[in-house]
Amino acid sequence: MTPQHAREFWKALMDNASALIADAHVLLKAGSFGRSRSLTVLAQEELGKALWIYDTFATTWNTAAVEPHKVDRLAKHGRDHVQKYLEAFVFGDELAAFWGDYSSLDHRQEGESPEDAWKRRRGEAKAAARDANVAKQRGFYVDRDNSGVISSPTDVATGTNEEDLQVAAQVVEMLLIRDHSRMKLDADTDYDSTHAQQFRLLPISHPDDWAAASEDFRSGGERRPDGETDS
C-alpha cells in the first residue's frame, strides 16, 4: 500500500467510524438501544483498522515519501472482529492521559509486577472484545438458544450505552486530534483536514461543551479556516 493510498483509506475509515458514532447516537435517542450498541462496536472495529494503518504510515505521511509498505496486522486480522475491537480498546487506555490525567497509566494491582499487570490487562481487553462482538450481534439479530428462548434487538435495555458511546466517540476523536497535531508539528506536507469528522463527534464526545456552545458554532459558522477545532 502506498502512503497516498493508505492516507485515503485511513481517512475513509475515520470518516466511517465517526459517522457510525453519529448514527448510533441517533438510534440511542430513539430508544433503539441494541442497534445503537451494535453501531458503536462497529465504529470501534473501524478504528482498530485505522490504528494499524496509522502505526505503519504516520511517520511516512510527514514527508512526500512514496515507497509502499505492508500493513501486516491488517492483512492478518482485517476480518477478525474481535482483534479489530481489541486494538481500539487497548488504544482507549490512553484516553485519560491524553486529557492530562496520568493516574490511570499504572494498571498494576497491589503487589503486581508490570509484566503481570500487562498480561492481566490484555486478558481483560480480549474478554471485553469478545463481549462486544456478542453484544453487536445481539443488537442486530433475532436469535433462539438451545432451550428455545428467543432474543431480539428490541429486548436490549439501555444499560451503559450512553457512557459507552461517549467513550467511543472520545477515542475516535483522540486519533483525529493526534493526527492533527502530527500535521501541525511534524509534517513537511500540506495540512490534510479531518475537521468534519472531529466536528461530527463533538455533540457526543463533549455533550456539555456542545450544549454550552453558541448556535453559530453548532451550525458550523465558527469553523477555523485551517481545519482546527477548540479540542
C-alpha atoms as a PDB file:
ATOM      1  CA  MET A   1       0.000   0.000   0.000  1.00  0.00           C
ATOM      2  CA  THR A   2       1.443   3.376  -0.961  1.00  0.00           C
ATOM      3  CA  PRO A   3       1.418   6.214   1.611  1.00  0.00           C
ATOM      4  CA  GLN A   4      -1.079   8.161  -0.512  1.00  0.00           C
ATOM      5  CA  HIS A   5      -3.471   5.226  -0.791  1.00  0.00           C
ATOM      6  CA  ALA A   6      -3.016   4.472   2.902  1.00  0.00           C
ATOM      7  CA  ARG A   7      -3.967   8.064   3.717  1.00  0.00           C
ATOM      8  CA  GLU A   8      -7.115   7.828   1.603  1.00  0.00           C
ATOM      9  CA  PHE A   9      -8.013   4.512   3.234  1.00  0.00           C
ATOM     10  CA  TRP A  10      -7.312   5.837   6.747  1.00  0.00           C
ATOM     11  CA  LYS A  11      -9.461   8.923   6.207  1.00  0.00           C
ATOM     12  CA  ALA A  12     -12.306   6.799   4.836  1.00  0.00           C
ATOM     13  CA  LEU A  13     -12.118   4.541   7.891  1.00  0.00           C
ATOM     14  CA  MET A  14     -12.107   7.503  10.273  1.00  0.00           C
ATOM     15  CA  ASP A  15     -14.996   9.120   8.425  1.00  0.00           C
ATOM     16  CA  ASN A  16     -16.975   5.897   8.672  1.00  0.00           C
ATOM     17  CA  ALA A  17     -16.115   5.461  12.356  1.00  0.00           C
ATOM     18  CA  SER A  18     -17.294   8.973  13.180  1.00  0.00           C
ATOM     19  CA  ALA A  19     -20.439   8.534  11.064  1.00  0.00           C
ATOM     20  CA  LEU A  20     -21.256   5.253  12.811  1.00  0.00           C
ATOM     21  CA  ILE A  21     -20.888   7.035  16.154  1.00  0.00           C
ATOM     22  CA  ALA A  22     -23.273   9.759  14.971  1.00  0.00           C
ATOM     23  CA  ASP A  23     -25.777   7.173  13.719  1.00  0.00           C
ATOM     24  CA  ALA A  24     -25.524   5.259  16.999  1.00  0.00           C
ATOM     25  CA  HIS A  25     -26.322   8.486  18.820  1.00  0.00           C
ATOM     26  CA  VAL A  26     -29.489   8.969  16.746  1.00  0.00           C
ATOM     27  CA  LEU A  27     -30.587   5.397  17.491  1.00  0.00           C
ATOM     28  CA  LEU A  28     -29.829   5.818  21.186  1.00  0.00           C
ATOM     29  CA  LYS A  29     -32.026   8.913  21.372  1.00  0.00           C
ATOM     30  CA  ALA A  30     -34.761   6.997  19.538  1.00  0.00           C
ATOM     31  CA  GLY A  31     -34.640   4.213  22.129  1.00  0.00           C
ATOM     32  CA  SER A  32     -33.125   1.628  19.773  1.00  0.00           C
ATOM     33  CA  PHE A  33     -30.530   0.553  22.323  1.00  0.00           C
ATOM     34  CA  GLY A  34     -29.474  -2.742  20.760  1.00  0.00           C
ATOM     35  CA  ARG A  35     -28.749  -1.305  17.324  1.00  0.00           C
ATOM     36  CA  SER A  36     -27.087   1.738  18.887  1.00  0.00           C
ATOM     37  CA  ARG A  37     -24.698  -0.558  20.753  1.00  0.00           C
ATOM     38  CA  SER A  38     -24.035  -2.559  17.592  1.00  0.00           C
ATOM     39  CA  LEU A  39     -23.053   0.535  15.618  1.00  0.00           C
ATOM     40  CA  THR A  40     -20.840   1.697  18.478  1.00  0.00           C
ATOM     41  CA  VAL A  41     -18.941  -1.591  18.322  1.00  0.00           C
ATOM     42  CA  LEU A  42     -18.659  -1.357  14.536  1.00  0.00           C
ATOM     43  CA  ALA A  43     -17.202   2.138  14.875  1.00  0.00           C
ATOM     44  CA  GLN A  44     -14.548   0.795  17.212  1.00  0.00           C
ATOM     45  CA  GLU A  45     -13.746  -2.001  14.785  1.00  0.00           C
ATOM     46  CA  GLU A  46     -13.188   0.563  12.043  1.00  0.00           C
ATOM     47  CA  LEU A  47     -10.962   2.483  14.443  1.00  0.00           C
ATOM     48  CA  GLY A  48      -8.955  -0.679  15.043  1.00  0.00           C
ATOM     49  CA  LYS A  49      -8.175  -0.971  11.329  1.00  0.00           C
ATOM     50  CA  ALA A  50      -7.362   2.732  11.169  1.00  0.00           C
ATOM     51  CA  LEU A  51      -4.897   2.333  14.051  1.00  0.00           C
ATOM     52  CA  TRP A  52      -2.992  -0.393  12.204  1.00  0.00           C
ATOM     53  CA  ILE A  53      -2.657   1.870   9.184  1.00  0.00           C
ATOM     54  CA  TYR A  54      -1.716   4.882  11.301  1.00  0.00           C
ATOM     55  CA  ASP A  55       1.002   2.984  13.161  1.00  0.00           C
ATOM     56  CA  THR A  56       2.511   1.937   9.833  1.00  0.00           C
ATOM     57  CA  PHE A  57       2.297   5.221   7.918  1.00  0.00           C
ATOM     58  CA  ALA A  58       2.165   8.158  10.367  1.00  0.00           C
ATOM     59  CA  THR A  59       5.881   8.901  10.100  1.00  0.00           C
ATOM     60  CA  THR A  60       5.828   8.387   6.339  1.00  0.00           C
ATOM     61  CA  TRP A  61       2.977  10.898   5.993  1.00  0.00           C
ATOM     62  CA  ASN A  62       5.226  13.598   7.414  1.00  0.00           C
ATOM     63  CA  THR A  63       7.184  13.590   4.162  1.00  0.00           C
ATOM     64  CA  ALA A  64       6.427  13.144   0.491  1.00  0.00           C
ATOM     65  CA  ALA A  65       7.641   9.527   0.562  1.00  0.00           C
ATOM     66  CA  VAL A  66       6.044   7.193  -1.977  1.00  0.00           C
ATOM     67  CA  GLU A  67       7.548   3.817  -1.008  1.00  0.00           C
ATOM     68  CA  PRO A  68       4.777   1.271  -0.325  1.00  0.00           C
ATOM     69  CA  HIS A  69       4.518  -0.649   2.959  1.00  0.00           C
ATOM     70  CA  LYS A  70       2.587  -3.711   4.003  1.00  0.00           C
ATOM     71  CA  VAL A  71       0.242  -3.377   6.982  1.00  0.00           C
ATOM     72  CA  ASP A  72       0.825  -6.823   8.459  1.00  0.00           C
ATOM     73  CA  ARG A  73      -1.846  -6.665  11.165  1.00  0.00           C
ATOM     74  CA  LEU A  74      -4.455  -5.513   8.667  1.00  0.00           C
ATOM     75  CA  ALA A  75      -3.563  -8.360   6.312  1.00  0.00           C
ATOM     76  CA  LYS A  76      -3.716 -10.874   9.169  1.00  0.00           C
ATOM     77  CA  HIS A  77      -6.653  -9.584  11.225  1.00  0.00           C
ATOM     78  CA  GLY A  78      -8.625  -7.357   8.840  1.00  0.00           C
ATOM     79  CA  ARG A  79     -11.693  -9.614   9.010  1.00  0.00           C
ATOM     80  CA  ASP A  80     -11.308 -10.581  12.676  1.00  0.00           C
ATOM     81  CA  HIS A  81     -13.954  -8.587  14.547  1.00  0.00           C
ATOM     82  CA  VAL A  82     -12.519  -9.346  17.985  1.00  0.00           C
ATOM     83  CA  GLN A  83      -8.972  -8.311  17.033  1.00  0.00           C
ATOM     84  CA  LYS A  84     -10.136  -5.038  15.494  1.00  0.00           C
ATOM     85  CA  TYR A  85     -12.172  -4.119  18.567  1.00  0.00           C
ATOM     86  CA  LEU A  86      -9.303  -5.230  20.813  1.00  0.00           C
ATOM     87  CA  GLU A  87      -6.955  -2.774  19.103  1.00  0.00           C
ATOM     88  CA  ALA A  88      -9.353   0.108  19.705  1.00  0.00           C
ATOM     89  CA  PHE A  89      -9.978  -0.969  23.295  1.00  0.00           C
ATOM     90  CA  VAL A  90      -6.264  -1.004  24.112  1.00  0.00           C
ATOM     91  CA  PHE A  91      -5.818   2.387  22.421  1.00  0.00           C
ATOM     92  CA  GLY A  92      -8.615   3.679  24.644  1.00  0.00           C
ATOM     93  CA  ASP A  93      -6.442   3.049  27.702  1.00  0.00           C
ATOM     94  CA  GLU A  94      -4.587   6.223  26.693  1.00  0.00           C
ATOM     95  CA  LEU A  95      -7.700   8.414  26.822  1.00  0.00           C
ATOM     96  CA  ALA A  96      -7.416   9.768  30.364  1.00  0.00           C
ATOM     97  CA  ALA A  97      -3.705  10.534  29.966  1.00  0.00           C
ATOM     98  CA  PHE A  98      -4.425  12.218  26.631  1.00  0.00           C
ATOM     99  CA  TRP A  99      -6.511  14.771  28.526  1.00  0.00           C
ATOM    100  CA  GLY A 100      -3.937  15.149  31.317  1.00  0.00           C
ATOM    101  CA  ASP A 101      -4.942  12.509  33.885  1.00  0.00           C
ATOM    102  CA  TYR A 102      -1.861  10.311  34.197  1.00  0.00           C
ATOM    103  CA  SER A 103      -3.077   8.404  37.256  1.00  0.00           C
ATOM    104  CA  SER A 104      -4.686   5.764  35.051  1.00  0.00           C
ATOM    105  CA  LEU A 105      -1.462   4.811  33.268  1.00  0.00           C
ATOM    106  CA  ASP A 106      -0.407   2.411  36.011  1.00  0.00           C
ATOM    107  CA  HIS A 107      -2.799  -0.528  35.871  1.00  0.00           C
ATOM    108  CA  ARG A 108      -0.965  -2.555  38.479  1.00  0.00           C
ATOM    109  CA  GLN A 109      -2.855  -4.023  41.374  1.00  0.00           C
ATOM    110  CA  GLU A 110      -1.241  -4.268  44.793  1.00  0.00           C
ATOM    111  CA  GLY A 111       1.864  -6.456  44.649  1.00  0.00           C
ATOM    112  CA  GLU A 112       1.571  -6.965  40.885  1.00  0.00           C
ATOM    113  CA  SER A 113       4.581  -6.676  38.592  1.00  0.00           C
ATOM    114  CA  PRO A 114       4.376  -4.574  35.420  1.00  0.00           C
ATOM    115  CA  GLU A 115       4.570  -7.752  33.333  1.00  0.00           C
ATOM    116  CA  ASP A 116       1.737  -9.418  35.229  1.00  0.00           C
ATOM    117  CA  ALA A 117      -0.329  -6.223  35.031  1.00  0.00           C
ATOM    118  CA  TRP A 118       0.165  -6.145  31.259  1.00  0.00           C
ATOM    119  CA  LYS A 119      -0.915  -9.783  30.905  1.00  0.00           C
ATOM    120  CA  ARG A 120      -3.955  -9.245  33.094  1.00  0.00           C
ATOM    121  CA  ARG A 121      -4.962  -6.087  31.255  1.00  0.00           C
ATOM    122  CA  ARG A 122      -4.506  -7.841  27.907  1.00  0.00           C
ATOM    123  CA  GLY A 123      -6.756 -10.641  29.109  1.00  0.00           C
ATOM    124  CA  GLU A 124      -9.367  -8.086  30.202  1.00  0.00           C
ATOM    125  CA  ALA A 125      -9.167  -6.430  26.792  1.00  0.00           C
ATOM    126  CA  LYS A 126      -9.678  -9.740  24.989  1.00  0.00           C
ATOM    127  CA  ALA A 127     -12.689 -10.532  27.172  1.00  0.00           C
ATOM    128  CA  ALA A 128     -14.144  -7.075  26.503  1.00  0.00           C
ATOM    129  CA  ALA A 129     -13.633  -7.551  22.771  1.00  0.00           C
ATOM    130  CA  ARG A 130     -15.417 -10.917  22.805  1.00  0.00           C
ATOM    131  CA  ASP A 131     -18.287  -9.482  24.856  1.00  0.00           C
ATOM    132  CA  ALA A 132     -18.575  -6.530  22.479  1.00  0.00           C
ATOM    133  CA  ASN A 133     -18.824  -8.862  19.487  1.00  0.00           C
ATOM    134  CA  VAL A 134     -21.645 -10.776  21.178  1.00  0.00           C
ATOM    135  CA  ALA A 135     -23.415  -7.509  22.039  1.00  0.00           C
ATOM    136  CA  LYS A 136     -23.065  -6.346  18.436  1.00  0.00           C
ATOM    137  CA  GLN A 137     -24.755  -9.498  17.147  1.00  0.00           C
ATOM    138  CA  ARG A 138     -27.458  -9.295  19.822  1.00  0.00           C
ATOM    139  CA  GLY A 139     -28.240  -5.743  18.711  1.00  0.00           C
ATOM    140  CA  PHE A 140     -28.707  -6.746  15.067  1.00  0.00           C
ATOM    141  CA  TYR A 141     -30.243 -10.219  15.015  1.00  0.00           C
ATOM    142  CA  VAL A 142     -33.124 -12.210  16.420  1.00  0.00           C
ATOM    143  CA  ASP A 143     -31.801 -15.474  17.857  1.00  0.00           C
ATOM    144  CA  ARG A 144     -33.020 -18.617  19.618  1.00  0.00           C
ATOM    145  CA  ASP A 145     -30.949 -20.577  22.123  1.00  0.00           C
ATOM    146  CA  ASN A 146     -30.949 -24.339  22.726  1.00  0.00           C
ATOM    147  CA  SER A 147     -33.694 -24.079  25.334  1.00  0.00           C
ATOM    148  CA  GLY A 148     -35.998 -22.299  22.899  1.00  0.00           C
ATOM    149  CA  VAL A 149     -35.650 -18.799  24.371  1.00  0.00           C
ATOM    150  CA  ILE A 150     -35.930 -16.159  21.662  1.00  0.00           C
ATOM    151  CA  SER A 151     -33.909 -12.939  21.891  1.00  0.00           C
ATOM    152  CA  SER A 152     -34.457  -9.795  19.842  1.00  0.00           C
ATOM    153  CA  PRO A 153     -32.673  -6.435  19.482  1.00  0.00           C
ATOM    154  CA  THR A 154     -35.783  -4.845  20.991  1.00  0.00           C
ATOM    155  CA  ASP A 155     -35.059  -6.723  24.238  1.00  0.00           C
ATOM    156  CA  VAL A 156     -31.788  -4.846  24.804  1.00  0.00           C
ATOM    157  CA  ALA A 157     -32.003  -2.330  27.652  1.00  0.00           C
ATOM    158  CA  THR A 158     -30.202   0.997  27.662  1.00  0.00           C
ATOM    159  CA  GLY A 159     -27.621  -0.150  30.225  1.00  0.00           C
ATOM    160  CA  THR A 160     -24.378   1.792  29.854  1.00  0.00           C
ATOM    161  CA  ASN A 161     -24.954   2.574  26.176  1.00  0.00           C
ATOM    162  CA  GLU A 162     -24.757   6.342  26.593  1.00  0.00           C
ATOM    163  CA  GLU A 163     -21.483   6.208  28.526  1.00  0.00           C
ATOM    164  CA  ASP A 164     -20.017   3.608  26.157  1.00  0.00           C
ATOM    165  CA  LEU A 165     -20.938   5.711  23.134  1.00  0.00           C
ATOM    166  CA  GLN A 166     -19.349   8.827  24.612  1.00  0.00           C
ATOM    167  CA  VAL A 167     -16.111   6.980  25.346  1.00  0.00           C
ATOM    168  CA  ALA A 168     -16.065   5.505  21.828  1.00  0.00           C
ATOM    169  CA  ALA A 169     -16.546   8.993  20.381  1.00  0.00           C
ATOM    170  CA  GLN A 170     -13.707  10.350  22.516  1.00  0.00           C
ATOM    171  CA  VAL A 171     -11.356   7.544  21.463  1.00  0.00           C
ATOM    172  CA  VAL A 172     -12.066   8.116  17.757  1.00  0.00           C
ATOM    173  CA  GLU A 173     -11.621  11.834  18.381  1.00  0.00           C
ATOM    174  CA  MET A 174      -8.292  11.165  20.122  1.00  0.00           C
ATOM    175  CA  LEU A 175      -6.783   9.642  16.979  1.00  0.00           C
ATOM    176  CA  LEU A 176      -8.106  12.512  14.859  1.00  0.00           C
ATOM    177  CA  ILE A 177      -6.553  15.072  17.211  1.00  0.00           C
ATOM    178  CA  ARG A 178      -3.302  13.128  17.316  1.00  0.00           C
ATOM    179  CA  ASP A 179      -3.185  13.236  13.530  1.00  0.00           C
ATOM    180  CA  HIS A 180      -3.979  16.956  13.598  1.00  0.00           C
ATOM    181  CA  SER A 181      -1.040  17.538  15.982  1.00  0.00           C
ATOM    182  CA  ARG A 182       1.242  15.426  13.790  1.00  0.00           C
ATOM    183  CA  MET A 183       0.448  17.549  10.755  1.00  0.00           C
ATOM    184  CA  LYS A 184       0.858  20.809  12.675  1.00  0.00           C
ATOM    185  CA  LEU A 185       4.081  19.920  14.491  1.00  0.00           C
ATOM    186  CA  ASP A 186       5.933  17.274  12.484  1.00  0.00           C
ATOM    187  CA  ALA A 187       4.812  17.188   8.861  1.00  0.00           C
ATOM    188  CA  ASP A 188       6.513  18.866   5.913  1.00  0.00           C
ATOM    189  CA  THR A 189       3.447  18.171   3.779  1.00  0.00           C
ATOM    190  CA  ASP A 190       0.256  20.216   3.366  1.00  0.00           C
ATOM    191  CA  TYR A 191      -2.395  20.106   6.081  1.00  0.00           C
ATOM    192  CA  ASP A 192      -4.974  17.411   5.283  1.00  0.00           C
ATOM    193  CA  SER A 193      -8.009  18.374   7.353  1.00  0.00           C
ATOM    194  CA  THR A 194     -10.207  15.971   9.320  1.00  0.00           C
ATOM    195  CA  HIS A 195     -12.234  18.835  10.763  1.00  0.00           C
ATOM    196  CA  ALA A 196     -15.567  17.484   9.505  1.00  0.00           C
ATOM    197  CA  GLN A 197     -15.057  14.231  11.388  1.00  0.00           C
ATOM    198  CA  GLN A 198     -13.990  15.996  14.589  1.00  0.00           C
ATOM    199  CA  PHE A 199     -16.936  18.388  14.386  1.00  0.00           C
ATOM    200  CA  ARG A 200     -19.350  15.487  13.832  1.00  0.00           C
ATOM    201  CA  LEU A 201     -18.199  13.879  17.085  1.00  0.00           C
ATOM    202  CA  LEU A 202     -18.402  16.934  19.355  1.00  0.00           C
ATOM    203  CA  PRO A 203     -22.083  16.611  20.395  1.00  0.00           C
ATOM    204  CA  ILE A 204     -21.343  13.060  21.573  1.00  0.00           C
ATOM    205  CA  SER A 205     -17.761  13.270  22.814  1.00  0.00           C
ATOM    206  CA  HIS A 206     -18.295  16.528  24.746  1.00  0.00           C
ATOM    207  CA  PRO A 207     -22.065  16.977  25.178  1.00  0.00           C
ATOM    208  CA  ASP A 208     -21.833  19.610  27.938  1.00  0.00           C
ATOM    209  CA  ASP A 209     -19.447  21.786  25.944  1.00  0.00           C
ATOM    210  CA  TRP A 210     -21.609  21.329  22.859  1.00  0.00           C
ATOM    211  CA  ALA A 211     -24.740  22.381  24.720  1.00  0.00           C
ATOM    212  CA  ALA A 212     -22.957  25.496  26.017  1.00  0.00           C
ATOM    213  CA  ALA A 213     -21.603  26.477  22.591  1.00  0.00           C
ATOM    214  CA  SER A 214     -23.165  29.255  20.556  1.00  0.00           C
ATOM    215  CA  GLU A 215     -25.727  28.426  17.911  1.00  0.00           C
ATOM    216  CA  ASP A 216     -23.357  29.869  15.318  1.00  0.00           C
ATOM    217  CA  PHE A 217     -20.651  27.418  16.356  1.00  0.00           C
ATOM    218  CA  ARG A 218     -23.015  24.452  16.422  1.00  0.00           C
ATOM    219  CA  SER A 219     -24.212  25.298  12.928  1.00  0.00           C
ATOM    220  CA  GLY A 220     -20.604  25.372  11.746  1.00  0.00           C
ATOM    221  CA  GLY A 221     -20.276  29.130  11.458  1.00  0.00           C
ATOM    222  CA  GLU A 222     -17.186  29.412  13.631  1.00  0.00           C
ATOM    223  CA  ARG A 223     -15.049  26.765  11.978  1.00  0.00           C
ATOM    224  CA  ARG A 224     -11.447  27.806  11.608  1.00  0.00           C
ATOM    225  CA  PRO A 225     -10.119  28.028   8.045  1.00  0.00           C
ATOM    226  CA  ASP A 226      -7.091  25.839   8.790  1.00  0.00           C
ATOM    227  CA  GLY A 227      -9.262  22.965   9.985  1.00  0.00           C
ATOM    228  CA  GLU A 228      -8.602  23.330  13.710  1.00  0.00           C
ATOM    229  CA  THR A 229     -11.206  22.934  16.414  1.00  0.00           C
ATOM    230  CA  ASP A 230     -11.034  24.015  20.027  1.00  0.00           C
ATOM    231  CA  SER A 231     -10.368  20.404  21.091  1.00  0.00           C
END
